[in-house]
Amino acid sequence: MTARTLILPALLALASLAPFTPLAAPPAHARGFVALSVGIAPPPPRVERVVVRPGWVWAPGWWRWAPRLRRYVWVRGHWMPARPGWRWVGPRWAPRGPRWVFRAGYWMR
């Protein structure tokens, strides 16, 4: 066997284990931009009652557009660890002309 025939299976084996090993990169804290535009306005947000938890931030639920269903579906809110000095800005739909544009949630200083 040549070195080339041994390297490819070894790399494939390492790639399949990457999520379970320390070789995986830590999550990035960059803010991404999602450009989703829909011609139908989202329903009003649902009321979610939560109790304040020290050290945690509540990320409220939001309406996600399901293109196959051609309607909005509710995504429940969830708790996230607080980041001192940062504020969570939740995902939202904003009108832009006759359409609605989705803005993903992000952390802001």
PDB file of N, CA and C in Angstrom:
ATOM      1  N   MET A   1       0.834  -1.190   0.000  1.00  0.00           N
ATOM      2  CA  MET A   1       0.000   0.000   0.000  1.00  0.00           C
ATOM      3  C   MET A   1       0.871   1.242   0.000  1.00  0.00           C
ATOM      4  N   THR A   2       0.390   2.226  -0.696  1.00  0.00           N
ATOM      5  CA  THR A   2       1.119   3.488  -0.730  1.00  0.00           C
ATOM      6  C   THR A   2       0.624   4.392   0.392  1.00  0.00           C
ATOM      7  N   ALA A   3       1.396   5.416   0.654  1.00  0.00           N
ATOM      8  CA  ALA A   3       1.016   6.361   1.710  1.00  0.00           C
ATOM      9  C   ALA A   3      -0.290   7.065   1.357  1.00  0.00           C
ATOM     10  N   ARG A   4      -0.512   7.315   0.078  1.00  0.00           N
ATOM     11  CA  ARG A   4      -1.723   8.017  -0.351  1.00  0.00           C
ATOM     12  C   ARG A   4      -2.979   7.205  -0.020  1.00  0.00           C
ATOM     13  N   THR A   5      -2.939   5.903  -0.200  1.00  0.00           N
ATOM     14  CA  THR A   5      -4.114   5.077   0.080  1.00  0.00           C
ATOM     15  C   THR A   5      -4.375   4.951   1.572  1.00  0.00           C
ATOM     16  N   LEU A   6      -3.374   5.193   2.409  1.00  0.00           N
ATOM     17  CA  LEU A   6      -3.575   5.141   3.858  1.00  0.00           C
ATOM     18  C   LEU A   6      -4.031   6.478   4.436  1.00  0.00           C
ATOM     19  N   ILE A   7      -3.626   7.566   3.805  1.00  0.00           N
ATOM     20  CA  ILE A   7      -3.942   8.892   4.341  1.00  0.00           C
ATOM     21  C   ILE A   7      -5.423   9.210   4.205  1.00  0.00           C
ATOM     22  N   LEU A   8      -6.024   8.937   3.050  1.00  0.00           N
ATOM     23  CA  LEU A   8      -7.427   9.274   2.839  1.00  0.00           C
ATOM     24  C   LEU A   8      -8.352   8.597   3.848  1.00  0.00           C
ATOM     25  N   PRO A   9      -8.259   7.277   4.084  1.00  0.00           N
ATOM     26  CA  PRO A   9      -9.135   6.674   5.102  1.00  0.00           C
ATOM     27  C   PRO A   9      -8.892   7.233   6.503  1.00  0.00           C
ATOM     28  N   ALA A  10      -7.634   7.569   6.812  1.00  0.00           N
ATOM     29  CA  ALA A  10      -7.338   8.128   8.134  1.00  0.00           C
ATOM     30  C   ALA A  10      -7.980   9.503   8.291  1.00  0.00           C
ATOM     31  N   LEU A  11      -7.911  10.335   7.254  1.00  0.00           N
ATOM     32  CA  LEU A  11      -8.542  11.656   7.315  1.00  0.00           C
ATOM     33  C   LEU A  11     -10.060  11.551   7.404  1.00  0.00           C
ATOM     34  N   LEU A  12     -10.647  10.631   6.668  1.00  0.00           N
ATOM     35  CA  LEU A  12     -12.096  10.433   6.743  1.00  0.00           C
ATOM     36  C   LEU A  12     -12.512   9.965   8.132  1.00  0.00           C
ATOM     37  N   ALA A  13     -11.724   9.084   8.745  1.00  0.00           N
ATOM     38  CA  ALA A  13     -12.036   8.613  10.095  1.00  0.00           C
ATOM     39  C   ALA A  13     -11.958   9.757  11.098  1.00  0.00           C
ATOM     40  N   LEU A  14     -10.929  10.607  10.975  1.00  0.00           N
ATOM     41  CA  LEU A  14     -10.814  11.757  11.877  1.00  0.00           C
ATOM     42  C   LEU A  14     -11.954  12.742  11.666  1.00  0.00           C
ATOM     43  N   ALA A  15     -12.345  12.967  10.426  1.00  0.00           N
ATOM     44  CA  ALA A  15     -13.443  13.901  10.151  1.00  0.00           C
ATOM     45  C   ALA A  15     -14.751  13.405  10.734  1.00  0.00           C
ATOM     46  N   SER A  16     -14.973  12.107  10.731  1.00  0.00           N
ATOM     47  CA  SER A  16     -16.225  11.590  11.281  1.00  0.00           C
ATOM     48  C   SER A  16     -16.255  11.683  12.795  1.00  0.00           C
ATOM     49  N   LEU A  17     -15.097  11.716  13.443  1.00  0.00           N
ATOM     50  CA  LEU A  17     -15.035  11.808  14.901  1.00  0.00           C
ATOM     51  C   LEU A  17     -14.912  13.239  15.403  1.00  0.00           C
ATOM     52  N   ALA A  18     -14.717  14.193  14.505  1.00  0.00           N
ATOM     53  CA  ALA A  18     -14.433  15.570  14.902  1.00  0.00           C
ATOM     54  C   ALA A  18     -15.429  16.151  15.896  1.00  0.00           C
ATOM     55  N   PRO A  19     -16.760  15.945  15.765  1.00  0.00           N
ATOM     56  CA  PRO A  19     -17.663  16.546  16.753  1.00  0.00           C
ATOM     57  C   PRO A  19     -17.496  15.974  18.156  1.00  0.00           C
ATOM     58  N   PHE A  20     -16.858  14.822  18.284  1.00  0.00           N
ATOM     59  CA  PHE A  20     -16.734  14.170  19.583  1.00  0.00           C
ATOM     60  C   PHE A  20     -15.347  14.283  20.182  1.00  0.00           C
ATOM     61  N   THR A  21     -14.434  14.933  19.500  1.00  0.00           N
ATOM     62  CA  THR A  21     -13.057  15.026  19.974  1.00  0.00           C
ATOM     63  C   THR A  21     -12.678  16.477  20.183  1.00  0.00           C
ATOM     64  N   PRO A  22     -11.562  16.706  20.886  1.00  0.00           N
ATOM     65  CA  PRO A  22     -11.104  18.076  21.079  1.00  0.00           C
ATOM     66  C   PRO A  22     -10.624  18.742  19.788  1.00  0.00           C
ATOM     67  N   LEU A  23     -10.597  18.004  18.676  1.00  0.00           N
ATOM     68  CA  LEU A  23     -10.183  18.600  17.418  1.00  0.00           C
ATOM     69  C   LEU A  23     -11.216  19.581  16.882  1.00  0.00           C
ATOM     70  N   ALA A  24     -12.439  19.495  17.372  1.00  0.00           N
ATOM     71  CA  ALA A  24     -13.503  20.385  16.889  1.00  0.00           C
ATOM     72  C   ALA A  24     -13.230  21.806  17.371  1.00  0.00           C
ATOM     73  N   ALA A  25     -13.504  22.774  16.521  1.00  0.00           N
ATOM     74  CA  ALA A  25     -13.279  24.175  16.872  1.00  0.00           C
ATOM     75  C   ALA A  25     -14.354  24.653  17.837  1.00  0.00           C
ATOM     76  N   PRO A  26     -14.005  25.558  18.752  1.00  0.00           N
ATOM     77  CA  PRO A  26     -15.018  26.113  19.657  1.00  0.00           C
ATOM     78  C   PRO A  26     -16.006  26.960  18.861  1.00  0.00           C
ATOM     79  N   PRO A  27     -17.220  27.141  19.377  1.00  0.00           N
ATOM     80  CA  PRO A  27     -18.210  27.933  18.639  1.00  0.00           C
ATOM     81  C   PRO A  27     -17.767  29.387  18.512  1.00  0.00           C
ATOM     82  N   ALA A  28     -18.021  29.964  17.376  1.00  0.00           N
ATOM     83  CA  ALA A  28     -17.677  31.366  17.137  1.00  0.00           C
ATOM     84  C   ALA A  28     -18.773  32.261  17.700  1.00  0.00           C
ATOM     85  N   HIS A  29     -18.413  33.470  18.040  1.00  0.00           N
ATOM     86  CA  HIS A  29     -19.382  34.408  18.576  1.00  0.00           C
ATOM     87  C   HIS A  29     -19.676  35.515  17.569  1.00  0.00           C
ATOM     88  N   ALA A  30     -19.571  35.192  16.307  1.00  0.00           N
ATOM     89  CA  ALA A  30     -19.863  36.177  15.269  1.00  0.00           C
ATOM     90  C   ALA A  30     -21.362  36.240  15.012  1.00  0.00           C
ATOM     91  N   ARG A  31     -21.795  37.354  14.516  1.00  0.00           N
ATOM     92  CA  ARG A  31     -23.206  37.534  14.202  1.00  0.00           C
ATOM     93  C   ARG A  31     -23.402  37.325  12.707  1.00  0.00           C
ATOM     94  N   GLY A  32     -24.303  36.443  12.360  1.00  0.00           N
ATOM     95  CA  GLY A  32     -24.584  36.185  10.956  1.00  0.00           C
ATOM     96  C   GLY A  32     -25.789  36.974  10.476  1.00  0.00           C
ATOM     97  N   PHE A  33     -25.968  37.028   9.186  1.00  0.00           N
ATOM     98  CA  PHE A  33     -27.104  37.738   8.605  1.00  0.00           C
ATOM     99  C   PHE A  33     -27.907  36.761   7.780  1.00  0.00           C
ATOM    100  N   VAL A  34     -29.188  36.686   8.045  1.00  0.00           N
ATOM    101  CA  VAL A  34     -30.077  35.824   7.283  1.00  0.00           C
ATOM    102  C   VAL A  34     -31.015  36.717   6.493  1.00  0.00           C
ATOM    103  N   ALA A  35     -31.027  36.548   5.187  1.00  0.00           N
ATOM    104  CA  ALA A  35     -31.891  37.370   4.336  1.00  0.00           C
ATOM    105  C   ALA A  35     -33.072  36.531   3.878  1.00  0.00           C
ATOM    106  N   LEU A  36     -34.122  36.513   4.668  1.00  0.00           N
ATOM    107  CA  LEU A  36     -35.336  35.796   4.330  1.00  0.00           C
ATOM    108  C   LEU A  36     -36.451  36.810   4.209  1.00  0.00           C
ATOM    109  N   SER A  37     -37.160  36.776   3.095  1.00  0.00           N
ATOM    110  CA  SER A  37     -38.224  37.731   2.831  1.00  0.00           C
ATOM    111  C   SER A  37     -39.503  36.969   2.513  1.00  0.00           C
ATOM    112  N   VAL A  38     -40.609  37.379   3.143  1.00  0.00           N
ATOM    113  CA  VAL A  38     -41.898  36.712   2.978  1.00  0.00           C
ATOM    114  C   VAL A  38     -42.955  37.766   2.686  1.00  0.00           C
ATOM    115  N   GLY A  39     -43.915  37.437   1.843  1.00  0.00           N
ATOM    116  CA  GLY A  39     -44.964  38.383   1.490  1.00  0.00           C
ATOM    117  C   GLY A  39     -46.145  38.373   2.441  1.00  0.00           C
ATOM    118  N   ILE A  40     -46.124  37.529   3.475  1.00  0.00           N
ATOM    119  CA  ILE A  40     -47.231  37.420   4.430  1.00  0.00           C
ATOM    120  C   ILE A  40     -46.737  37.878   5.796  1.00  0.00           C
ATOM    121  N   ALA A  41     -47.470  38.768   6.442  1.00  0.00           N
ATOM    122  CA  ALA A  41     -47.074  39.268   7.760  1.00  0.00           C
ATOM    123  C   ALA A  41     -47.145  38.154   8.793  1.00  0.00           C
ATOM    124  N   PRO A  42     -46.192  38.130   9.759  1.00  0.00           N
ATOM    125  CA  PRO A  42     -46.254  37.117  10.814  1.00  0.00           C
ATOM    126  C   PRO A  42     -47.376  37.425  11.797  1.00  0.00           C
ATOM    127  N   PRO A  43     -47.905  36.384  12.474  1.00  0.00           N
ATOM    128  CA  PRO A  43     -48.906  36.628  13.518  1.00  0.00           C
ATOM    129  C   PRO A  43     -48.270  37.357  14.701  1.00  0.00           C
ATOM    130  N   PRO A  44     -49.063  37.913  15.597  1.00  0.00           N
ATOM    131  CA  PRO A  44     -48.476  38.548  16.780  1.00  0.00           C
ATOM    132  C   PRO A  44     -47.761  37.506  17.632  1.00  0.00           C
ATOM    133  N   PRO A  45     -46.699  37.914  18.346  1.00  0.00           N
ATOM    134  CA  PRO A  45     -45.967  36.953  19.186  1.00  0.00           C
ATOM    135  C   PRO A  45     -46.869  36.367  20.274  1.00  0.00           C
ATOM    136  N   ARG A  46     -46.604  35.139  20.631  1.00  0.00           N
ATOM    137  CA  ARG A  46     -47.345  34.507  21.727  1.00  0.00           C
ATOM    138  C   ARG A  46     -46.820  35.024  23.051  1.00  0.00           C
ATOM    139  N   VAL A  47     -47.665  35.026  24.053  1.00  0.00           N
ATOM    140  CA  VAL A  47     -47.258  35.461  25.392  1.00  0.00           C
ATOM    141  C   VAL A  47     -46.603  34.282  26.096  1.00  0.00           C
ATOM    142  N   GLU A  48     -45.363  34.482  26.529  1.00  0.00           N
ATOM    143  CA  GLU A  48     -44.633  33.448  27.269  1.00  0.00           C
ATOM    144  C   GLU A  48     -44.340  34.000  28.655  1.00  0.00           C
ATOM    145  N   ARG A  49     -44.840  33.341  29.655  1.00  0.00           N
ATOM    146  CA  ARG A  49     -44.595  33.776  31.034  1.00  0.00           C
ATOM    147  C   ARG A  49     -43.413  32.990  31.584  1.00  0.00           C
ATOM    148  N   VAL A  50     -42.406  33.728  32.046  1.00  0.00           N
ATOM    149  CA  VAL A  50     -41.214  33.089  32.600  1.00  0.00           C
ATOM    150  C   VAL A  50     -40.864  33.752  33.921  1.00  0.00           C
ATOM    151  N   VAL A  51     -40.169  33.018  34.767  1.00  0.00           N
ATOM    152  CA  VAL A  51     -39.690  33.531  36.045  1.00  0.00           C
ATOM    153  C   VAL A  51     -38.216  33.862  35.876  1.00  0.00           C
ATOM    154  N   VAL A  52     -37.797  35.022  36.357  1.00  0.00           N
ATOM    155  CA  VAL A  52     -36.416  35.460  36.222  1.00  0.00           C
ATOM    156  C   VAL A  52     -35.487  34.448  36.891  1.00  0.00           C
ATOM    157  N   ARG A  53     -34.426  34.098  36.193  1.00  0.00           N
ATOM    158  CA  ARG A  53     -33.410  33.180  36.720  1.00  0.00           C
ATOM    159  C   ARG A  53     -32.071  33.906  36.729  1.00  0.00           C
ATOM    160  N   PRO A  54     -31.484  34.160  37.902  1.00  0.00           N
ATOM    161  CA  PRO A  54     -30.187  34.849  37.939  1.00  0.00           C
ATOM    162  C   PRO A  54     -29.134  34.075  37.138  1.00  0.00           C
ATOM    163  N   GLY A  55     -28.354  34.812  36.340  1.00  0.00           N
ATOM    164  CA  GLY A  55     -27.302  34.192  35.542  1.00  0.00           C
ATOM    165  C   GLY A  55     -27.780  33.660  34.205  1.00  0.00           C
ATOM    166  N   TRP A  56     -29.075  33.850  33.909  1.00  0.00           N
ATOM    167  CA  TRP A  56     -29.641  33.349  32.653  1.00  0.00           C
ATOM    168  C   TRP A  56     -30.423  34.445  31.958  1.00  0.00           C
ATOM    169  N   VAL A  57     -30.546  34.333  30.632  1.00  0.00           N
ATOM    170  CA  VAL A  57     -31.302  35.282  29.819  1.00  0.00           C
ATOM    171  C   VAL A  57     -32.358  34.489  29.059  1.00  0.00           C
ATOM    172  N   TRP A  58     -33.580  34.998  29.039  1.00  0.00           N
ATOM    173  CA  TRP A  58     -34.655  34.344  28.301  1.00  0.00           C
ATOM    174  C   TRP A  58     -34.643  34.852  26.856  1.00  0.00           C
ATOM    175  N   ALA A  59     -34.489  33.944  25.921  1.00  0.00           N
ATOM    176  CA  ALA A  59     -34.596  34.274  24.497  1.00  0.00           C
ATOM    177  C   ALA A  59     -36.039  33.988  24.108  1.00  0.00           C
ATOM    178  N   PRO A  60     -36.853  35.010  23.864  1.00  0.00           N
ATOM    179  CA  PRO A  60     -38.269  34.783  23.594  1.00  0.00           C
ATOM    180  C   PRO A  60     -38.493  34.022  22.291  1.00  0.00           C
ATOM    181  N   GLY A  61     -39.642  33.382  22.227  1.00  0.00           N
ATOM    182  CA  GLY A  61     -40.011  32.642  21.022  1.00  0.00           C
ATOM    183  C   GLY A  61     -40.289  33.571  19.851  1.00  0.00           C
ATOM    184  N   TRP A  62     -40.368  32.993  18.668  1.00  0.00           N
ATOM    185  CA  TRP A  62     -40.592  33.775  17.449  1.00  0.00           C
ATOM    186  C   TRP A  62     -41.267  32.899  16.407  1.00  0.00           C
ATOM    187  N   TRP A  63     -41.814  33.548  15.389  1.00  0.00           N
ATOM    188  CA  TRP A  63     -42.479  32.845  14.302  1.00  0.00           C
ATOM    189  C   TRP A  63     -41.471  32.552  13.197  1.00  0.00           C
ATOM    190  N   ARG A  64     -41.352  31.298  12.809  1.00  0.00           N
ATOM    191  CA  ARG A  64     -40.470  30.875  11.720  1.00  0.00           C
ATOM    192  C   ARG A  64     -41.324  30.588  10.494  1.00  0.00           C
ATOM    193  N   TRP A  65     -40.879  31.056   9.336  1.00  0.00           N
ATOM    194  CA  TRP A  65     -41.601  30.787   8.104  1.00  0.00           C
ATOM    195  C   TRP A  65     -41.260  29.381   7.633  1.00  0.00           C
ATOM    196  N   ALA A  66     -42.278  28.562   7.397  1.00  0.00           N
ATOM    197  CA  ALA A  66     -42.108  27.201   6.900  1.00  0.00           C
ATOM    198  C   ALA A  66     -42.547  27.187   5.434  1.00  0.00           C
ATOM    199  N   PRO A  67     -41.598  27.265   4.492  1.00  0.00           N
ATOM    200  CA  PRO A  67     -41.984  27.391   3.083  1.00  0.00           C
ATOM    201  C   PRO A  67     -42.789  26.207   2.560  1.00  0.00           C
ATOM    202  N   ARG A  68     -42.484  25.007   3.023  1.00  0.00           N
ATOM    203  CA  ARG A  68     -43.247  23.840   2.546  1.00  0.00           C
ATOM    204  C   ARG A  68     -44.697  23.889   3.002  1.00  0.00           C
ATOM    205  N   LEU A  69     -44.917  24.411   4.208  1.00  0.00           N
ATOM    206  CA  LEU A  69     -46.282  24.526   4.733  1.00  0.00           C
ATOM    207  C   LEU A  69     -46.954  25.817   4.274  1.00  0.00           C
ATOM    208  N   ARG A  70     -46.143  26.753   3.783  1.00  0.00           N
ATOM    209  CA  ARG A  70     -46.615  28.070   3.366  1.00  0.00           C
ATOM    210  C   ARG A  70     -47.329  28.808   4.511  1.00  0.00           C
ATOM    211  N   ARG A  71     -46.741  28.701   5.694  1.00  0.00           N
ATOM    212  CA  ARG A  71     -47.283  29.392   6.863  1.00  0.00           C
ATOM    213  C   ARG A  71     -46.191  29.536   7.911  1.00  0.00           C
ATOM    214  N   TYR A  72     -46.472  30.299   8.952  1.00  0.00           N
ATOM    215  CA  TYR A  72     -45.541  30.473  10.059  1.00  0.00           C
ATOM    216  C   TYR A  72     -45.764  29.374  11.097  1.00  0.00           C
ATOM    217  N   VAL A  73     -44.677  28.943  11.745  1.00  0.00           N
ATOM    218  CA  VAL A  73     -44.767  27.998  12.863  1.00  0.00           C
ATOM    219  C   VAL A  73     -44.029  28.621  14.051  1.00  0.00           C
ATOM    220  N   TRP A  74     -44.535  28.373  15.248  1.00  0.00           N
ATOM    221  CA  TRP A  74     -43.982  28.974  16.454  1.00  0.00           C
ATOM    222  C   TRP A  74     -42.747  28.217  16.925  1.00  0.00           C
ATOM    223  N   VAL A  75     -41.679  28.957  17.223  1.00  0.00           N
ATOM    224  CA  VAL A  75     -40.460  28.404  17.811  1.00  0.00           C
ATOM    225  C   VAL A  75     -40.440  28.880  19.253  1.00  0.00           C
ATOM    226  N   ARG A  76     -40.482  27.932  20.195  1.00  0.00           N
ATOM    227  CA  ARG A  76     -40.547  28.291  21.619  1.00  0.00           C
ATOM    228  C   ARG A  76     -39.275  28.986  22.080  1.00  0.00           C
ATOM    229  N   GLY A  77     -39.433  29.840  23.074  1.00  0.00           N
ATOM    230  CA  GLY A  77     -38.287  30.518  23.678  1.00  0.00           C
ATOM    231  C   GLY A  77     -37.458  29.547  24.504  1.00  0.00           C
ATOM    232  N   HIS A  78     -36.268  29.986  24.897  1.00  0.00           N
ATOM    233  CA  HIS A  78     -35.382  29.122  25.688  1.00  0.00           C
ATOM    234  C   HIS A  78     -34.442  29.985  26.539  1.00  0.00           C
ATOM    235  N   TRP A  79     -33.864  29.356  27.559  1.00  0.00           N
ATOM    236  CA  TRP A  79     -32.919  30.023  28.437  1.00  0.00           C
ATOM    237  C   TRP A  79     -31.517  29.913  27.856  1.00  0.00           C
ATOM    238  N   MET A  80     -30.732  30.989  28.008  1.00  0.00           N
ATOM    239  CA  MET A  80     -29.334  31.010  27.591  1.00  0.00           C
ATOM    240  C   MET A  80     -28.504  31.542  28.747  1.00  0.00           C
ATOM    241  N   PRO A  81     -27.255  31.072  28.901  1.00  0.00           N
ATOM    242  CA  PRO A  81     -26.400  31.649  29.943  1.00  0.00           C
ATOM    243  C   PRO A  81     -26.166  33.134  29.674  1.00  0.00           C
ATOM    244  N   ALA A  82     -26.230  33.924  30.727  1.00  0.00           N
ATOM    245  CA  ALA A  82     -26.013  35.372  30.584  1.00  0.00           C
ATOM    246  C   ALA A  82     -24.570  35.646  30.206  1.00  0.00           C
ATOM    247  N   ARG A  83     -24.365  36.733  29.480  1.00  0.00           N
ATOM    248  CA  ARG A  83     -23.025  37.190  29.112  1.00  0.00           C
ATOM    249  C   ARG A  83     -22.859  38.581  29.707  1.00  0.00           C
ATOM    250  N   PRO A  84     -22.086  38.712  30.791  1.00  0.00           N
ATOM    251  CA  PRO A  84     -21.927  40.024  31.428  1.00  0.00           C
ATOM    252  C   PRO A  84     -21.463  41.087  30.427  1.00  0.00           C
ATOM    253  N   GLY A  85     -22.138  42.233  30.457  1.00  0.00           N
ATOM    254  CA  GLY A  85     -21.807  43.328  29.559  1.00  0.00           C
ATOM    255  C   GLY A  85     -22.487  43.223  28.200  1.00  0.00           C
ATOM    256  N   TRP A  86     -23.288  42.183  27.980  1.00  0.00           N
ATOM    257  CA  TRP A  86     -23.965  41.979  26.703  1.00  0.00           C
ATOM    258  C   TRP A  86     -25.468  41.948  26.917  1.00  0.00           C
ATOM    259  N   ARG A  87     -26.217  42.293  25.857  1.00  0.00           N
ATOM    260  CA  ARG A  87     -27.673  42.254  25.896  1.00  0.00           C
ATOM    261  C   ARG A  87     -28.154  41.436  24.702  1.00  0.00           C
ATOM    262  N   TRP A  88     -29.138  40.550  24.919  1.00  0.00           N
ATOM    263  CA  TRP A  88     -29.680  39.722  23.845  1.00  0.00           C
ATOM    264  C   TRP A  88     -30.759  40.495  23.091  1.00  0.00           C
ATOM    265  N   VAL A  89     -30.616  40.568  21.788  1.00  0.00           N
ATOM    266  CA  VAL A  89     -31.621  41.166  20.913  1.00  0.00           C
ATOM    267  C   VAL A  89     -32.260  40.005  20.174  1.00  0.00           C
ATOM    268  N   GLY A  90     -33.527  39.746  20.446  1.00  0.00           N
ATOM    269  CA  GLY A  90     -34.198  38.573  19.902  1.00  0.00           C
ATOM    270  C   GLY A  90     -34.471  38.646  18.415  1.00  0.00           C
ATOM    271  N   PRO A  91     -34.718  37.496  17.787  1.00  0.00           N
ATOM    272  CA  PRO A  91     -35.062  37.487  16.367  1.00  0.00           C
ATOM    273  C   PRO A  91     -36.397  38.190  16.138  1.00  0.00           C
ATOM    274  N   ARG A  92     -36.561  38.764  14.956  1.00  0.00           N
ATOM    275  CA  ARG A  92     -37.784  39.517  14.689  1.00  0.00           C
ATOM    276  C   ARG A  92     -38.022  39.611  13.190  1.00  0.00           C
ATOM    277  N   TRP A  93     -39.246  39.939  12.848  1.00  0.00           N
ATOM    278  CA  TRP A  93     -39.639  40.206  11.465  1.00  0.00           C
ATOM    279  C   TRP A  93     -39.830  41.706  11.323  1.00  0.00           C
ATOM    280  N   ALA A  94     -39.273  42.293  10.270  1.00  0.00           N
ATOM    281  CA  ALA A  94     -39.402  43.733  10.044  1.00  0.00           C
ATOM    282  C   ALA A  94     -40.014  43.962   8.663  1.00  0.00           C
ATOM    283  N   PRO A  95     -40.965  44.912   8.564  1.00  0.00           N
ATOM    284  CA  PRO A  95     -41.540  45.186   7.244  1.00  0.00           C
ATOM    285  C   PRO A  95     -40.539  45.922   6.361  1.00  0.00           C
ATOM    286  N   ARG A  96     -40.480  45.518   5.114  1.00  0.00           N
ATOM    287  CA  ARG A  96     -39.653  46.213   4.124  1.00  0.00           C
ATOM    288  C   ARG A  96     -40.474  46.293   2.844  1.00  0.00           C
ATOM    289  N   GLY A  97     -41.083  47.426   2.639  1.00  0.00           N
ATOM    290  CA  GLY A  97     -41.989  47.574   1.505  1.00  0.00           C
ATOM    291  C   GLY A  97     -43.199  46.661   1.711  1.00  0.00           C
ATOM    292  N   PRO A  98     -43.585  45.930   0.673  1.00  0.00           N
ATOM    293  CA  PRO A  98     -44.744  45.040   0.808  1.00  0.00           C
ATOM    294  C   PRO A  98     -44.389  43.680   1.421  1.00  0.00           C
ATOM    295  N   ARG A  99     -43.104  43.458   1.758  1.00  0.00           N
ATOM    296  CA  ARG A  99     -42.658  42.147   2.253  1.00  0.00           C
ATOM    297  C   ARG A  99     -42.179  42.251   3.699  1.00  0.00           C
ATOM    298  N   TRP A 100     -41.958  41.094   4.315  1.00  0.00           N
ATOM    299  CA  TRP A 100     -41.447  41.006   5.676  1.00  0.00           C
ATOM    300  C   TRP A 100     -40.093  40.319   5.637  1.00  0.00           C
ATOM    301  N   VAL A 101     -39.090  40.926   6.330  1.00  0.00           N
ATOM    302  CA  VAL A 101     -37.720  40.424   6.329  1.00  0.00           C
ATOM    303  C   VAL A 101     -37.382  39.911   7.724  1.00  0.00           C
ATOM    304  N   PHE A 102     -36.756  38.724   7.798  1.00  0.00           N
ATOM    305  CA  PHE A 102     -36.382  38.131   9.076  1.00  0.00           C
ATOM    306  C   PHE A 102     -35.000  38.603   9.494  1.00  0.00           C
ATOM    307  N   ARG A 103     -34.867  38.966  10.761  1.00  0.00           N
ATOM    308  CA  ARG A 103     -33.580  39.332  11.363  1.00  0.00           C
ATOM    309  C   ARG A 103     -33.313  38.360  12.499  1.00  0.00           C
ATOM    310  N   ALA A 104     -32.207  37.642  12.421  1.00  0.00           N
ATOM    311  CA  ALA A 104     -31.853  36.662  13.452  1.00  0.00           C
ATOM    312  C   ALA A 104     -31.487  37.376  14.752  1.00  0.00           C
ATOM    313  N   GLY A 105     -31.606  36.666  15.880  1.00  0.00           N
ATOM    314  CA  GLY A 105     -31.218  37.219  17.173  1.00  0.00           C
ATOM    315  C   GLY A 105     -29.702  37.300  17.303  1.00  0.00           C
ATOM    316  N   TYR A 106     -29.228  38.207  18.172  1.00  0.00           N
ATOM    317  CA  TYR A 106     -27.798  38.368  18.357  1.00  0.00           C
ATOM    318  C   TYR A 106     -27.515  39.034  19.705  1.00  0.00           C
ATOM    319  N   TRP A 107     -26.243  38.932  20.144  1.00  0.00           N
ATOM    320  CA  TRP A 107     -25.778  39.585  21.357  1.00  0.00           C
ATOM    321  C   TRP A 107     -25.218  40.952  20.993  1.00  0.00           C
ATOM    322  N   MET A 108     -25.518  41.965  21.815  1.00  0.00           N
ATOM    323  CA  MET A 108     -25.040  43.319  21.575  1.00  0.00           C
ATOM    324  C   MET A 108     -24.433  43.876  22.853  1.00  0.00           C
ATOM    325  N   ARG A 109     -23.317  44.567  22.748  1.00  0.00           N
ATOM    326  CA  ARG A 109     -22.676  45.181  23.934  1.00  0.00           C
ATOM    327  C   ARG A 109     -23.468  46.374  24.408  1.00  0.00           C
TER     328      ARG A 109
END
